[in-house]
Amino acid sequence: MTATPAWPPQSAPRLHVETQLGDGVAVPVDGNPAHYLISVMRVKPDDIVLLFDGRSGEWAARARDIRKRDLVLECVAQTKAPEQVPDYWLCCAPIRKGRIDLIAEKACELGVARLQPVLTRRAVVDKLNLDRLHAHLVEAAEQCGRTALPDLGSLMKLDALLGDWDASRHLFFADESGGAPLEQTLRAHPGPAAFLVGPEGGFDAQERDAIRATPGAVAVSLGPRILRAETAAIAATSAWMAINGDWN
């Protein structure tokens, strides 16, 4: 007996779009996404492409009206409901190009709800290309099966972040001068959370004092070794997801 092929095909390409999706919605695609689908993935008429818009879940869409530089994708069935991710933010100091891109990519893959860049005194980077970071979030979401992108905040100063902090959200921060053991601390503080990671040089003494004085802040240790900023961000997020997030 012939096996029924999987539908939608597991090999179908995924694409983030701005158009709100729904049954029968036709999405015109041009530019780089069209080039990717037509020239790289060799999409043909009636082939399935998986779409997500960050609001409507994931939809299977049939390709039609394919030309050299554009095509239309028509939604035919919802394949995933809108995504629910844990209420977890990653707040991190900007670091060098390439490494901050890695943080954005892995934050999306790990299920972060919000990525908030935070400017600290020892940061060697004081500007961020948010369009580039957004592009990395999109690419990561397309690859890992997310149906919604993490919120991406504009770069803000540390004192502004702390001054407006909601004490109902735990603010864990990696304190290289010493903090509580990570696992038992995370288990003791369930609920909405954020993790704050400093730059390559860490937080200075005044910043550590200000963070510790913030309602909801909890200093934690990330172990006996010195970690790169991007390693600390990824490790802390992984630990939280394993204990209080959607890995448990």
Protein backbone atom coordinates (compact mmCIF):
# COMPACT_ATOMS: atom_id res chain seq x y z
CA MET A 1 0.00 0.00 0.00
CA THR A 2 1.40 3.39 -0.96
CA ALA A 3 2.13 5.65 1.98
CA THR A 4 0.30 8.96 2.09
CA PRO A 5 2.86 11.75 1.67
CA ALA A 6 3.23 14.20 4.53
CA TRP A 7 1.30 17.44 4.13
CA PRO A 8 2.48 20.05 4.16
CA PRO A 9 5.81 18.68 2.88
CA GLN A 10 8.47 18.74 5.58
CA SER A 11 10.89 20.14 3.02
CA ALA A 12 8.68 23.15 2.26
CA PRO A 13 10.55 26.46 2.65
CA ARG A 14 9.41 28.86 5.38
CA LEU A 15 9.07 32.60 4.95
CA HIS A 16 8.24 35.50 7.25
CA VAL A 17 5.89 38.06 5.71
CA GLU A 18 4.32 41.30 6.88
CA THR A 19 0.90 40.60 5.35
CA GLN A 20 -1.65 39.33 7.88
CA LEU A 21 -2.42 35.75 6.96
CA GLY A 22 -5.74 33.94 6.73
CA ASP A 23 -7.69 31.51 4.60
CA GLY A 24 -7.49 32.53 0.94
CA VAL A 25 -5.18 35.51 1.55
CA ALA A 26 -2.88 36.09 -1.43
CA VAL A 27 0.61 37.33 -0.51
CA PRO A 28 2.68 38.98 -3.26
CA VAL A 29 6.40 38.30 -2.87
CA ASP A 30 9.24 40.10 -4.61
CA GLY A 31 12.83 41.17 -3.95
CA ASN A 32 15.24 38.87 -2.10
CA PRO A 33 12.52 36.51 -0.76
CA ALA A 34 11.24 35.95 -4.31
CA HIS A 35 14.77 35.32 -5.57
CA TYR A 36 15.28 32.78 -2.78
CA LEU A 37 12.06 30.92 -3.58
CA ILE A 38 12.32 31.05 -7.39
CA SER A 39 16.06 30.76 -8.05
CA VAL A 40 17.38 28.94 -4.98
CA MET A 41 14.50 26.71 -3.85
CA ARG A 42 13.16 26.28 -7.42
CA VAL A 43 9.54 26.70 -6.33
CA LYS A 44 7.07 25.71 -9.06
CA PRO A 45 3.32 26.44 -9.45
CA ASP A 46 1.25 24.70 -6.75
CA ASP A 47 4.33 24.03 -4.57
CA ILE A 48 3.77 24.69 -0.87
CA VAL A 49 5.55 27.46 1.03
CA LEU A 50 5.02 27.86 4.79
CA LEU A 51 4.30 31.45 5.85
CA PHE A 52 4.14 33.21 9.22
CA ASP A 53 3.46 36.83 10.07
CA GLY A 54 4.05 36.90 13.84
CA ARG A 55 0.31 37.13 14.59
CA SER A 56 -1.63 34.44 12.76
CA GLY A 57 0.36 31.26 13.31
CA GLU A 58 1.80 29.37 10.36
CA TRP A 59 0.00 28.88 7.05
CA ALA A 60 0.60 26.63 4.08
CA ALA A 61 0.41 28.62 0.87
CA ARG A 62 0.40 27.50 -2.75
CA ALA A 63 2.70 29.22 -5.21
CA ARG A 64 1.11 30.79 -8.27
CA ASP A 65 1.72 33.55 -10.81
CA ILE A 66 5.45 32.81 -10.77
CA ARG A 67 7.52 35.17 -12.90
CA LYS A 68 11.23 35.95 -13.05
CA ARG A 69 11.30 38.30 -10.08
CA ASP A 70 8.04 37.82 -8.19
CA LEU A 71 5.28 35.39 -7.35
CA VAL A 72 2.09 35.08 -5.34
CA LEU A 73 1.53 32.74 -2.40
CA GLU A 74 -2.09 31.88 -1.59
CA CYS A 75 -2.92 30.65 1.93
CA VAL A 76 -4.79 27.33 1.88
CA ALA A 77 -4.58 25.96 5.45
CA GLN A 78 -3.28 26.90 8.88
CA THR A 79 -0.57 24.48 9.95
CA LYS A 80 0.31 25.93 13.38
CA ALA A 81 -1.63 28.04 15.86
CA PRO A 82 -0.14 31.35 17.04
CA GLU A 83 2.89 30.64 19.17
CA GLN A 84 2.98 31.07 22.94
CA VAL A 85 6.49 31.52 24.33
CA PRO A 86 7.57 31.87 27.97
CA ASP A 87 7.56 35.40 29.39
CA TYR A 88 11.33 35.78 29.30
CA TRP A 89 13.43 38.74 28.18
CA LEU A 90 17.11 38.78 27.35
CA CYS A 91 18.68 42.15 28.16
CA CYS A 92 22.25 42.38 26.92
CA ALA A 93 24.91 44.98 26.33
CA PRO A 94 25.84 45.57 22.68
CA ILE A 95 29.00 43.76 21.63
CA ARG A 96 30.98 43.53 18.42
CA LYS A 97 29.29 42.81 15.10
CA GLY A 98 29.02 39.10 14.54
CA ARG A 99 28.77 38.30 18.25
CA ILE A 100 25.65 40.38 18.84
CA ASP A 101 24.23 38.80 15.68
CA LEU A 102 24.87 35.39 17.23
CA ILE A 103 23.02 36.44 20.39
CA ALA A 104 20.01 37.53 18.32
CA GLU A 105 19.97 34.28 16.37
CA LYS A 106 20.22 32.03 19.42
CA ALA A 107 17.78 34.11 21.46
CA CYS A 108 15.17 33.51 18.77
CA GLU A 109 15.92 29.79 18.58
CA LEU A 110 15.75 29.42 22.37
CA GLY A 111 12.31 31.03 22.63
CA VAL A 112 13.06 34.49 24.01
CA ALA A 113 10.00 36.76 24.03
CA ARG A 114 11.94 40.04 23.94
CA LEU A 115 15.52 41.00 23.10
CA GLN A 116 16.45 44.28 24.78
CA PRO A 117 19.86 45.85 24.03
CA VAL A 118 21.21 47.81 27.03
CA LEU A 119 24.06 50.33 26.94
CA THR A 120 26.51 50.04 29.85
CA ARG A 121 29.65 52.02 30.74
CA ARG A 122 32.16 49.41 29.62
CA ALA A 123 30.42 48.59 26.35
CA VAL A 124 32.80 49.00 23.42
CA VAL A 125 29.85 49.41 21.04
CA ASP A 126 27.41 52.29 21.50
CA LYS A 127 25.32 51.88 18.34
CA LEU A 128 23.38 48.98 16.89
CA ASN A 129 22.04 48.25 13.43
CA LEU A 130 18.54 47.17 14.45
CA ASP A 131 17.59 46.35 10.85
CA ARG A 132 20.43 43.83 10.70
CA LEU A 133 19.46 42.32 14.06
CA HIS A 134 15.85 42.08 12.90
CA ALA A 135 17.01 40.26 9.77
CA HIS A 136 18.88 37.74 11.94
CA LEU A 137 15.76 37.20 14.04
CA VAL A 138 13.71 36.59 10.88
CA GLU A 139 16.22 34.12 9.47
CA ALA A 140 16.43 32.24 12.77
CA ALA A 141 12.63 32.07 13.09
CA GLU A 142 12.31 30.76 9.54
CA GLN A 143 14.82 28.01 10.31
CA CYS A 144 13.68 26.95 13.78
CA GLY A 145 9.92 26.84 13.22
CA ARG A 146 8.87 29.83 15.32
CA THR A 147 5.67 31.52 14.24
CA ALA A 148 6.42 34.85 15.94
CA LEU A 149 9.54 36.97 16.18
CA PRO A 150 10.91 38.13 19.52
CA ASP A 151 10.18 41.78 20.25
CA LEU A 152 13.31 43.80 19.53
CA GLY A 153 13.79 46.85 21.71
CA SER A 154 15.77 49.95 20.80
CA LEU A 155 19.12 50.42 22.50
CA MET A 156 18.56 52.02 25.92
CA LYS A 157 20.85 53.07 28.76
CA LEU A 158 21.11 50.86 31.82
CA ASP A 159 19.82 53.53 34.20
CA ALA A 160 16.71 53.99 32.03
CA LEU A 161 16.07 50.25 32.08
CA LEU A 162 16.45 50.03 35.85
CA GLY A 163 14.49 53.20 36.56
CA ASP A 164 11.40 51.86 34.82
CA TRP A 165 11.70 48.25 35.97
CA ASP A 166 8.55 46.38 36.98
CA ALA A 167 9.36 44.55 40.23
CA SER A 168 6.96 41.75 39.33
CA ARG A 169 9.47 40.60 36.69
CA HIS A 170 12.56 38.95 38.19
CA LEU A 171 15.74 40.59 36.92
CA PHE A 172 18.52 38.01 37.09
CA PHE A 173 21.93 39.38 36.30
CA ALA A 174 25.27 37.73 35.76
CA ASP A 175 27.50 39.24 38.46
CA GLU A 176 31.14 38.29 37.99
CA SER A 177 31.90 39.63 41.48
CA GLY A 178 29.73 36.89 42.98
CA GLY A 179 26.12 35.80 43.01
CA ALA A 180 23.84 33.00 44.13
CA PRO A 181 24.10 29.54 42.53
CA LEU A 182 22.15 29.68 39.27
CA GLU A 183 20.02 26.52 39.35
CA GLN A 184 18.61 26.83 42.86
CA THR A 185 18.01 30.56 42.38
CA LEU A 186 16.05 30.06 39.17
CA ARG A 187 13.96 27.33 40.79
CA ALA A 188 13.19 29.63 43.70
CA HIS A 189 12.02 32.45 41.40
CA PRO A 190 9.46 31.20 38.85
CA GLY A 191 7.35 33.57 36.80
CA PRO A 192 8.06 36.41 34.36
CA ALA A 193 11.78 36.99 34.14
CA ALA A 194 14.61 38.77 32.40
CA PHE A 195 18.30 38.06 32.32
CA LEU A 196 20.75 40.95 32.17
CA VAL A 197 24.19 40.30 30.71
CA GLY A 198 26.94 42.91 30.61
CA PRO A 199 29.59 43.67 27.97
CA GLU A 200 33.02 42.07 27.54
CA GLY A 201 34.39 44.05 30.49
CA GLY A 202 31.43 43.33 32.74
CA PHE A 203 29.50 45.80 34.88
CA ASP A 204 31.44 48.40 36.87
CA ALA A 205 30.97 48.74 40.64
CA GLN A 206 28.41 51.55 40.42
CA GLU A 207 26.35 49.61 37.88
CA ARG A 208 26.37 46.48 40.04
CA ASP A 209 25.20 48.49 43.03
CA ALA A 210 22.42 50.09 40.98
CA ILE A 211 21.27 46.73 39.63
CA ARG A 212 21.29 45.12 43.08
CA ALA A 213 19.21 48.01 44.42
CA THR A 214 16.53 47.51 41.75
CA PRO A 215 13.36 45.81 43.06
CA GLY A 216 13.17 42.31 41.61
CA ALA A 217 16.90 42.05 40.85
CA VAL A 218 18.77 38.86 41.77
CA ALA A 219 22.53 38.44 41.32
CA VAL A 220 23.54 34.99 40.08
CA SER A 221 26.76 33.21 39.23
CA LEU A 222 27.37 31.57 35.87
CA GLY A 223 30.07 29.31 37.25
CA PRO A 224 33.79 29.44 37.99
CA ARG A 225 35.00 30.35 34.49
CA ILE A 226 35.06 33.67 32.68
CA LEU A 227 32.53 33.58 29.85
CA ARG A 228 32.35 35.72 26.76
CA ALA A 229 29.32 37.98 26.76
CA GLU A 230 27.60 36.00 24.01
CA THR A 231 28.32 32.71 25.80
CA ALA A 232 26.86 34.08 29.04
CA ALA A 233 23.69 35.26 27.27
CA ILE A 234 23.13 31.91 25.55
CA ALA A 235 24.00 29.84 28.65
CA ALA A 236 21.78 31.87 30.98
CA THR A 237 18.84 31.68 28.58
CA SER A 238 19.27 27.94 28.14
CA ALA A 239 19.36 27.40 31.90
CA TRP A 240 16.20 29.47 32.45
CA MET A 241 14.35 27.65 29.66
CA ALA A 242 15.33 24.28 31.13
CA ILE A 243 14.11 25.18 34.62
CA ASN A 244 11.27 27.69 34.25
CA GLY A 245 10.64 27.84 30.51
CA ASP A 246 9.25 25.55 27.83
CA TRP A 247 12.00 22.93 28.05
CA ASN A 248 10.67 21.36 31.26
